[in-house]
Amino acid sequence: MLKKYLVFIVLLISGCSEVPDGVRVVDGFRLDRFLGTWHEIARSDNSFEKNLDRVSAVYSIDDSGRISIMNKGYDVELERWRFRQGKAHISSDKSKGALKVSFFGSFYSEYNIIALDKEHYSWAIACGRDRSMFWILSREPVIDKALMKRLAAKVDSLGFDTTKLRYAGYSGKPKDGGN
């Protein structure tokens, strides 16, 4: 009986929307072009990035053919770099920008690319399964102010709360030389 109940719960959860209502993942997504380093330019505040600045993620394919993620962020309170190894996989249609990511064993979360510079893959906007988490990402640690304004307006137009955007602080180097 318990086994049937657990199967029902898994089916129920997997049938739930993986993106916020009214938001779509990008079509024509190419993982090979997405691989590499992405810098967090701005984000919604969240508990797992508390006190982190200068956050970046490196996406690569590991020896087993899986997507590997190495996140790095500077902890401004502890004045040191923090690292977290993760993994990901394309969650459905490989041409859609919908990934499942995990930094905690077999627990995966949605990571949806909802806007992307498809020509150069130089910037992206990603979100979780609801509007509580989103990120504005770039291949470079700093982006043009006009571009940032357009990307923030895009996030706002999709119904995300941009009044509490947390911007990355790349204005100086951390004491340990890091980034």
C-alpha atoms as a PDB file:
ATOM      1  CA  MET A   1       0.000   0.000   0.000  1.00  0.00           C
ATOM      2  CA  LEU A   2       2.789   2.426   0.923  1.00  0.00           C
ATOM      3  CA  LYS A   3       4.547   1.669  -2.367  1.00  0.00           C
ATOM      4  CA  LYS A   4       1.404   2.558  -4.368  1.00  0.00           C
ATOM      5  CA  TYR A   5       1.030   5.769  -2.376  1.00  0.00           C
ATOM      6  CA  LEU A   6       4.633   6.789  -3.074  1.00  0.00           C
ATOM      7  CA  VAL A   7       4.207   6.084  -6.808  1.00  0.00           C
ATOM      8  CA  PHE A   8       1.059   8.259  -6.793  1.00  0.00           C
ATOM      9  CA  ILE A   9       2.899  11.115  -5.068  1.00  0.00           C
ATOM     10  CA  VAL A  10       5.793  10.924  -7.551  1.00  0.00           C
ATOM     11  CA  LEU A  11       3.355  10.974 -10.497  1.00  0.00           C
ATOM     12  CA  LEU A  12       1.446  13.869  -8.970  1.00  0.00           C
ATOM     13  CA  ILE A  13       4.591  15.936  -8.428  1.00  0.00           C
ATOM     14  CA  SER A  14       6.002  15.141 -11.865  1.00  0.00           C
ATOM     15  CA  GLY A  15       2.739  16.238 -13.463  1.00  0.00           C
ATOM     16  CA  CYS A  16       2.953  19.682 -11.861  1.00  0.00           C
ATOM     17  CA  SER A  17       4.034  22.667 -13.880  1.00  0.00           C
ATOM     18  CA  GLU A  18       7.800  22.964 -14.099  1.00  0.00           C
ATOM     19  CA  VAL A  19       7.741  26.689 -14.934  1.00  0.00           C
ATOM     20  CA  PRO A  20       5.656  29.535 -13.544  1.00  0.00           C
ATOM     21  CA  ASP A  21       2.304  30.165 -15.237  1.00  0.00           C
ATOM     22  CA  GLY A  22       2.709  32.367 -18.298  1.00  0.00           C
ATOM     23  CA  VAL A  23       6.451  31.694 -18.586  1.00  0.00           C
ATOM     24  CA  ARG A  24       7.989  29.487 -21.257  1.00  0.00           C
ATOM     25  CA  VAL A  25      11.420  27.952 -21.596  1.00  0.00           C
ATOM     26  CA  VAL A  26      13.400  28.874 -24.689  1.00  0.00           C
ATOM     27  CA  ASP A  27      13.121  26.791 -27.849  1.00  0.00           C
ATOM     28  CA  GLY A  28      16.132  25.969 -29.977  1.00  0.00           C
ATOM     29  CA  PHE A  29      18.327  25.478 -26.897  1.00  0.00           C
ATOM     30  CA  ARG A  30      21.765  24.014 -27.588  1.00  0.00           C
ATOM     31  CA  LEU A  31      23.520  22.469 -24.609  1.00  0.00           C
ATOM     32  CA  ASP A  32      26.884  22.471 -26.407  1.00  0.00           C
ATOM     33  CA  ARG A  33      26.688  26.279 -26.677  1.00  0.00           C
ATOM     34  CA  PHE A  34      25.451  26.682 -23.079  1.00  0.00           C
ATOM     35  CA  LEU A  35      28.414  24.793 -21.588  1.00  0.00           C
ATOM     36  CA  GLY A  36      31.160  26.887 -20.014  1.00  0.00           C
ATOM     37  CA  THR A  37      31.224  29.660 -17.428  1.00  0.00           C
ATOM     38  CA  TRP A  38      28.224  31.808 -16.511  1.00  0.00           C
ATOM     39  CA  HIS A  39      28.442  34.737 -14.087  1.00  0.00           C
ATOM     40  CA  GLU A  40      25.515  35.737 -11.934  1.00  0.00           C
ATOM     41  CA  ILE A  41      24.761  39.399 -12.637  1.00  0.00           C
ATOM     42  CA  ALA A  42      21.585  39.673 -10.555  1.00  0.00           C
ATOM     43  CA  ARG A  43      19.251  37.318  -8.726  1.00  0.00           C
ATOM     44  CA  SER A  44      16.271  37.095  -6.479  1.00  0.00           C
ATOM     45  CA  ASP A  45      17.348  36.562  -2.901  1.00  0.00           C
ATOM     46  CA  ASN A  46      17.407  32.935  -1.784  1.00  0.00           C
ATOM     47  CA  SER A  47      18.601  31.020   1.241  1.00  0.00           C
ATOM     48  CA  PHE A  48      21.174  28.796  -0.466  1.00  0.00           C
ATOM     49  CA  GLU A  49      23.145  31.790  -1.797  1.00  0.00           C
ATOM     50  CA  LYS A  50      22.997  33.746   1.465  1.00  0.00           C
ATOM     51  CA  ASN A  51      26.002  36.097   1.815  1.00  0.00           C
ATOM     52  CA  LEU A  52      27.397  35.003  -1.564  1.00  0.00           C
ATOM     53  CA  ASP A  53      28.694  37.460  -4.121  1.00  0.00           C
ATOM     54  CA  ARG A  54      30.570  37.051  -7.412  1.00  0.00           C
ATOM     55  CA  VAL A  55      28.740  33.777  -8.024  1.00  0.00           C
ATOM     56  CA  SER A  56      29.625  31.808 -11.129  1.00  0.00           C
ATOM     57  CA  ALA A  57      28.815  28.373 -12.487  1.00  0.00           C
ATOM     58  CA  VAL A  58      30.825  26.244 -14.874  1.00  0.00           C
ATOM     59  CA  TYR A  59      28.799  23.730 -16.882  1.00  0.00           C
ATOM     60  CA  SER A  60      30.711  20.861 -18.481  1.00  0.00           C
ATOM     61  CA  ILE A  61      30.267  17.270 -19.589  1.00  0.00           C
ATOM     62  CA  ASP A  62      31.986  14.821 -17.244  1.00  0.00           C
ATOM     63  CA  ASP A  63      33.700  11.535 -18.160  1.00  0.00           C
ATOM     64  CA  SER A  64      30.408   9.640 -17.939  1.00  0.00           C
ATOM     65  CA  GLY A  65      28.685  12.019 -20.371  1.00  0.00           C
ATOM     66  CA  ARG A  66      26.612  13.778 -17.695  1.00  0.00           C
ATOM     67  CA  ILE A  67      26.317  17.510 -17.162  1.00  0.00           C
ATOM     68  CA  SER A  68      28.538  18.619 -14.285  1.00  0.00           C
ATOM     69  CA  ILE A  69      28.205  21.981 -12.539  1.00  0.00           C
ATOM     70  CA  MET A  70      30.780  23.708 -10.348  1.00  0.00           C
ATOM     71  CA  ASN A  71      29.327  26.715  -8.530  1.00  0.00           C
ATOM     72  CA  LYS A  72      31.625  29.215  -6.892  1.00  0.00           C
ATOM     73  CA  GLY A  73      30.732  32.221  -4.766  1.00  0.00           C
ATOM     74  CA  TYR A  74      32.535  34.591  -2.451  1.00  0.00           C
ATOM     75  CA  ASP A  75      31.113  34.548   1.099  1.00  0.00           C
ATOM     76  CA  VAL A  76      31.279  38.193   2.131  1.00  0.00           C
ATOM     77  CA  GLU A  77      30.825  37.407   5.833  1.00  0.00           C
ATOM     78  CA  LEU A  78      33.424  34.630   6.045  1.00  0.00           C
ATOM     79  CA  GLU A  79      35.697  36.379   3.514  1.00  0.00           C
ATOM     80  CA  ARG A  80      36.410  33.192   1.602  1.00  0.00           C
ATOM     81  CA  TRP A  81      35.332  31.341  -1.542  1.00  0.00           C
ATOM     82  CA  ARG A  82      32.700  28.612  -1.298  1.00  0.00           C
ATOM     83  CA  PHE A  83      32.347  25.855  -3.881  1.00  0.00           C
ATOM     84  CA  ARG A  84      29.528  23.427  -4.581  1.00  0.00           C
ATOM     85  CA  GLN A  85      29.625  20.555  -7.089  1.00  0.00           C
ATOM     86  CA  GLY A  86      26.361  19.669  -8.798  1.00  0.00           C
ATOM     87  CA  LYS A  87      24.914  17.755 -11.701  1.00  0.00           C
ATOM     88  CA  ALA A  88      22.175  18.330 -14.230  1.00  0.00           C
ATOM     89  CA  HIS A  89      20.294  16.788 -17.101  1.00  0.00           C
ATOM     90  CA  ILE A  90      17.979  18.078 -19.782  1.00  0.00           C
ATOM     91  CA  SER A  91      14.553  17.456 -18.302  1.00  0.00           C
ATOM     92  CA  SER A  92      12.576  16.787 -21.490  1.00  0.00           C
ATOM     93  CA  ASP A  93      12.890  17.859 -25.123  1.00  0.00           C
ATOM     94  CA  LYS A  94      16.613  18.492 -25.702  1.00  0.00           C
ATOM     95  CA  SER A  95      15.804  21.575 -27.824  1.00  0.00           C
ATOM     96  CA  LYS A  96      14.121  23.274 -24.842  1.00  0.00           C
ATOM     97  CA  GLY A  97      16.011  25.159 -22.137  1.00  0.00           C
ATOM     98  CA  ALA A  98      14.627  23.087 -19.263  1.00  0.00           C
ATOM     99  CA  LEU A  99      17.137  21.407 -16.991  1.00  0.00           C
ATOM    100  CA  LYS A 100      16.928  19.515 -13.740  1.00  0.00           C
ATOM    101  CA  VAL A 101      19.787  20.361 -11.388  1.00  0.00           C
ATOM    102  CA  SER A 102      20.957  18.801  -8.166  1.00  0.00           C
ATOM    103  CA  PHE A 103      23.453  19.868  -5.566  1.00  0.00           C
ATOM    104  CA  PHE A 104      22.045  17.465  -2.957  1.00  0.00           C
ATOM    105  CA  GLY A 105      22.254  13.839  -4.060  1.00  0.00           C
ATOM    106  CA  SER A 106      19.147  12.640  -5.857  1.00  0.00           C
ATOM    107  CA  PHE A 107      17.022  15.737  -5.135  1.00  0.00           C
ATOM    108  CA  TYR A 108      16.562  17.688  -8.378  1.00  0.00           C
ATOM    109  CA  SER A 109      15.089  21.146  -8.940  1.00  0.00           C
ATOM    110  CA  GLU A 110      13.933  22.871 -12.070  1.00  0.00           C
ATOM    111  CA  TYR A 111      16.322  25.262 -13.776  1.00  0.00           C
ATOM    112  CA  ASN A 112      14.546  26.904 -16.680  1.00  0.00           C
ATOM    113  CA  ILE A 113      16.254  29.099 -19.253  1.00  0.00           C
ATOM    114  CA  ILE A 114      13.445  31.543 -20.080  1.00  0.00           C
ATOM    115  CA  ALA A 115      15.377  34.096 -22.149  1.00  0.00           C
ATOM    116  CA  LEU A 116      18.643  33.695 -23.997  1.00  0.00           C
ATOM    117  CA  ASP A 117      20.907  35.485 -26.440  1.00  0.00           C
ATOM    118  CA  LYS A 118      20.542  32.736 -29.043  1.00  0.00           C
ATOM    119  CA  GLU A 119      23.039  34.302 -31.426  1.00  0.00           C
ATOM    120  CA  HIS A 120      26.051  34.518 -29.089  1.00  0.00           C
ATOM    121  CA  TYR A 121      24.903  32.763 -25.895  1.00  0.00           C
ATOM    122  CA  SER A 122      26.321  35.782 -24.054  1.00  0.00           C
ATOM    123  CA  TRP A 123      23.457  36.261 -21.546  1.00  0.00           C
ATOM    124  CA  ALA A 124      20.566  34.242 -20.160  1.00  0.00           C
ATOM    125  CA  ILE A 125      17.677  34.539 -17.728  1.00  0.00           C
ATOM    126  CA  ALA A 126      16.808  31.460 -15.680  1.00  0.00           C
ATOM    127  CA  CYS A 127      14.188  30.652 -13.076  1.00  0.00           C
ATOM    128  CA  GLY A 128      13.001  27.834 -10.875  1.00  0.00           C
ATOM    129  CA  ARG A 129       9.578  26.205 -10.858  1.00  0.00           C
ATOM    130  CA  ASP A 130       7.904  29.350  -9.497  1.00  0.00           C
ATOM    131  CA  ARG A 131       8.527  33.095  -9.422  1.00  0.00           C
ATOM    132  CA  SER A 132      10.467  33.050  -6.145  1.00  0.00           C
ATOM    133  CA  MET A 133      13.837  32.357  -7.814  1.00  0.00           C
ATOM    134  CA  PHE A 134      15.420  33.823 -10.905  1.00  0.00           C
ATOM    135  CA  TRP A 135      18.877  34.721 -12.162  1.00  0.00           C
ATOM    136  CA  ILE A 136      20.278  37.068 -14.800  1.00  0.00           C
ATOM    137  CA  LEU A 137      23.462  35.502 -16.137  1.00  0.00           C
ATOM    138  CA  SER A 138      26.279  36.546 -18.436  1.00  0.00           C
ATOM    139  CA  ARG A 139      29.440  35.065 -19.863  1.00  0.00           C
ATOM    140  CA  GLU A 140      31.257  38.129 -18.518  1.00  0.00           C
ATOM    141  CA  PRO A 141      31.250  39.180 -14.835  1.00  0.00           C
ATOM    142  CA  VAL A 142      29.998  42.673 -15.738  1.00  0.00           C
ATOM    143  CA  ILE A 143      27.495  43.660 -18.429  1.00  0.00           C
ATOM    144  CA  ASP A 144      26.505  46.902 -20.093  1.00  0.00           C
ATOM    145  CA  LYS A 145      24.060  48.953 -17.986  1.00  0.00           C
ATOM    146  CA  ALA A 146      21.617  49.329 -20.890  1.00  0.00           C
ATOM    147  CA  LEU A 147      21.551  45.549 -21.384  1.00  0.00           C
ATOM    148  CA  MET A 148      21.059  45.021 -17.653  1.00  0.00           C
ATOM    149  CA  LYS A 149      18.128  47.435 -17.724  1.00  0.00           C
ATOM    150  CA  ARG A 150      16.536  45.534 -20.650  1.00  0.00           C
ATOM    151  CA  LEU A 151      17.019  42.156 -18.952  1.00  0.00           C
ATOM    152  CA  ALA A 152      15.570  43.420 -15.657  1.00  0.00           C
ATOM    153  CA  ALA A 153      12.584  44.819 -17.588  1.00  0.00           C
ATOM    154  CA  LYS A 154      12.136  41.406 -19.258  1.00  0.00           C
ATOM    155  CA  VAL A 155      12.157  39.661 -15.864  1.00  0.00           C
ATOM    156  CA  ASP A 156       9.676  42.233 -14.530  1.00  0.00           C
ATOM    157  CA  SER A 157       7.376  41.789 -17.570  1.00  0.00           C
ATOM    158  CA  LEU A 158       7.202  38.059 -16.803  1.00  0.00           C
ATOM    159  CA  GLY A 159       5.810  38.797 -13.339  1.00  0.00           C
ATOM    160  CA  PHE A 160       8.912  38.283 -11.210  1.00  0.00           C
ATOM    161  CA  ASP A 161       9.500  40.664  -8.283  1.00  0.00           C
ATOM    162  CA  THR A 162      12.431  42.817  -9.364  1.00  0.00           C
ATOM    163  CA  THR A 163      12.093  45.298  -6.494  1.00  0.00           C
ATOM    164  CA  LYS A 164      14.522  43.203  -4.441  1.00  0.00           C
ATOM    165  CA  LEU A 165      17.041  42.321  -7.128  1.00  0.00           C
ATOM    166  CA  ARG A 166      20.400  41.396  -5.655  1.00  0.00           C
ATOM    167  CA  TYR A 167      23.173  42.612  -7.964  1.00  0.00           C
ATOM    168  CA  ALA A 168      26.597  40.994  -8.115  1.00  0.00           C
ATOM    169  CA  GLY A 169      29.440  43.053  -6.656  1.00  0.00           C
ATOM    170  CA  TYR A 170      32.434  42.835  -8.927  1.00  0.00           C
ATOM    171  CA  SER A 171      33.752  46.269  -8.002  1.00  0.00           C
ATOM    172  CA  GLY A 172      36.756  44.956  -6.113  1.00  0.00           C
ATOM    173  CA  LYS A 173      38.784  41.835  -5.487  1.00  0.00           C
ATOM    174  CA  PRO A 174      38.263  39.713  -2.387  1.00  0.00           C
ATOM    175  CA  LYS A 175      41.134  39.643   0.064  1.00  0.00           C
ATOM    176  CA  ASP A 176      42.185  36.107  -0.924  1.00  0.00           C
ATOM    177  CA  GLY A 177      42.663  37.076  -4.584  1.00  0.00           C
ATOM    178  CA  GLY A 178      39.890  34.794  -5.925  1.00  0.00           C
ATOM    179  CA  ASN A 179      37.909  35.966  -8.916  1.00  0.00           C
END
